[in-house]
């Protein structure tokens, strides 16, 4: 963000130079007078652009700081300490639990079968 005052100053200076050249040529002034005035306009507007860009940068930084104070980022929940089984994830996604008497291997095979049949069901629909 440190470059923004220089970019604003350059844009303002170039604009002033172009406007001074066009208006001087439209008024039928001699070219040396047009270029001299255009260079002075470029320098003056470049300095004004630096000042305006710096002021704008400070105002934006203060606004961002105030916004961050008023709207803090909530703490992210820490990951679970115990590992999560694939069967538990499938239960959460489908909404229906697997039979509680089934062994861990049977639960995993049921989840695998369900995940393999899901794409076939989508293609048929």
Protein backbone atom coordinates (compact mmCIF):
# COMPACT_ATOMS: atom_id res chain seq x y z
CA UNK A 1 0.00 0.00 0.00
CA UNK A 2 3.03 2.27 0.18
CA UNK A 3 2.99 2.67 -3.60
CA UNK A 4 -0.53 4.05 -3.82
CA UNK A 5 0.35 7.73 -3.16
CA UNK A 6 2.96 7.59 -5.92
CA UNK A 7 0.51 6.00 -8.33
CA UNK A 8 -2.12 8.64 -7.57
CA UNK A 9 0.49 11.39 -7.92
CA UNK A 10 1.70 10.05 -11.27
CA UNK A 11 -1.84 9.77 -12.62
CA UNK A 12 -2.68 13.30 -11.49
CA UNK A 13 0.58 14.71 -12.90
CA UNK A 14 0.16 13.01 -16.27
CA UNK A 15 -3.43 14.16 -16.49
CA UNK A 16 -2.41 17.75 -15.74
CA UNK A 17 0.36 17.57 -18.37
CA UNK A 18 -2.03 16.28 -21.02
CA UNK A 19 -4.72 18.84 -20.22
CA UNK A 20 -2.18 21.69 -20.25
CA UNK A 21 -0.80 20.56 -23.62
CA UNK A 22 -4.20 20.22 -25.25
CA UNK A 23 -5.57 23.48 -23.88
CA UNK A 24 -2.37 25.38 -24.78
CA UNK A 25 -2.41 24.07 -28.34
CA UNK A 26 -6.14 24.81 -28.63
CA UNK A 27 -5.41 28.41 -27.61
CA UNK A 28 -2.76 28.63 -30.39
CA UNK A 29 0.07 29.36 -27.94
CA UNK A 30 3.69 28.83 -29.02
CA UNK A 31 4.99 25.31 -28.36
CA UNK A 32 7.73 26.40 -25.92
CA UNK A 33 5.13 28.20 -23.77
CA UNK A 34 2.77 25.20 -23.91
CA UNK A 35 5.47 22.74 -22.84
CA UNK A 36 6.80 24.99 -20.07
CA UNK A 37 3.34 25.45 -18.59
CA UNK A 38 2.58 21.75 -19.00
CA UNK A 39 5.76 20.80 -17.10
CA UNK A 40 4.89 23.19 -14.27
CA UNK A 41 1.40 21.74 -14.15
CA UNK A 42 2.88 18.22 -14.04
CA UNK A 43 5.17 19.06 -11.11
CA UNK A 44 2.48 20.92 -9.15
CA UNK A 45 -0.12 18.20 -9.63
CA UNK A 46 2.40 15.45 -8.83
CA UNK A 47 3.09 17.09 -5.46
CA UNK A 48 -0.64 17.59 -4.85
CA UNK A 49 -1.23 13.93 -5.77
CA UNK A 50 1.42 12.78 -3.27
CA UNK A 51 -0.28 14.78 -0.52
CA UNK A 52 -3.79 13.60 -1.44
CA UNK A 53 -2.62 9.98 -1.82
CA UNK A 54 -0.92 9.99 1.58
CA UNK A 55 -3.99 11.49 3.25
CA UNK A 56 -6.22 8.93 1.58
CA UNK A 57 -3.92 6.08 2.61
CA UNK A 58 -3.99 7.20 6.26
CA UNK A 59 -7.78 7.51 6.24
CA UNK A 60 -8.22 4.04 4.74
CA UNK A 61 -5.78 2.52 7.26
CA UNK A 62 -7.70 4.11 10.14
CA UNK A 63 -11.01 2.87 8.75
CA UNK A 64 -9.67 -0.67 8.42
CA UNK A 65 -8.31 -0.54 11.97
CA UNK A 66 -11.65 0.67 13.36
CA UNK A 67 -13.55 -1.97 11.40
CA UNK A 68 -11.25 -4.70 12.69
CA UNK A 69 -11.83 -3.53 16.28
CA UNK A 70 -15.62 -3.47 15.87
CA UNK A 71 -15.81 -6.80 14.00
CA UNK A 72 -13.26 -9.20 15.46
CA UNK A 73 -12.63 -12.50 13.73
CA UNK A 74 -14.15 -15.32 15.80
CA UNK A 75 -11.91 -18.06 17.11
CA UNK A 76 -11.82 -21.14 14.94
CA UNK A 77 -12.81 -24.35 16.65
CA UNK A 78 -9.91 -26.63 17.39
CA UNK A 79 -9.89 -29.97 15.59
CA UNK A 80 -11.25 -32.94 17.53
CA UNK A 81 -8.72 -34.69 19.73
CA UNK A 82 -10.03 -38.16 18.89
CA UNK A 83 -9.85 -39.48 15.33
CA UNK A 84 -13.12 -39.44 13.43
CA UNK A 85 -14.17 -42.71 11.80
CA UNK A 86 -15.40 -42.80 8.22
CA UNK A 87 -18.61 -44.40 9.49
CA UNK A 88 -19.25 -41.39 11.72
CA UNK A 89 -18.79 -39.06 8.77
CA UNK A 90 -21.20 -41.12 6.69
CA UNK A 91 -23.71 -41.05 9.54
CA UNK A 92 -23.46 -37.27 9.74
CA UNK A 93 -23.92 -36.83 6.00
CA UNK A 94 -26.76 -39.30 5.46
CA UNK A 95 -28.62 -38.53 8.68
CA UNK A 96 -29.23 -42.22 9.37
CA UNK A 97 -26.93 -44.14 11.63
CA UNK A 98 -25.46 -47.52 10.88
CA UNK A 99 -26.53 -50.49 13.00
CA UNK A 100 -24.81 -50.31 16.38
CA UNK A 101 -24.16 -54.07 16.57
CA UNK A 102 -22.15 -54.14 13.35
CA UNK A 103 -18.42 -54.54 13.59
CA UNK A 104 -15.97 -51.87 12.43
CA UNK A 105 -15.08 -53.81 9.27
CA UNK A 106 -18.75 -54.28 8.40
CA UNK A 107 -19.37 -50.58 8.90
CA UNK A 108 -16.47 -49.67 6.63
CA UNK A 109 -17.68 -52.08 3.93
CA UNK A 110 -21.19 -50.60 4.11
CA UNK A 111 -19.77 -47.09 3.73
CA UNK A 112 -17.64 -48.22 0.79
CA UNK A 113 -20.64 -49.82 -0.91
CA UNK A 114 -22.73 -46.72 -0.38
CA UNK A 115 -20.03 -44.47 -1.82
CA UNK A 116 -19.65 -46.72 -4.88
CA UNK A 117 -23.36 -46.91 -5.56
CA UNK A 118 -23.88 -43.15 -5.18
CA UNK A 119 -22.39 -42.20 -8.58
CA UNK A 120 -24.46 -44.94 -10.29
CA UNK A 121 -27.62 -43.55 -8.72
CA UNK A 122 -26.77 -40.07 -9.93
CA UNK A 123 -26.24 -41.27 -13.51
CA UNK A 124 -29.57 -43.09 -13.54
CA UNK A 125 -31.42 -39.96 -12.42
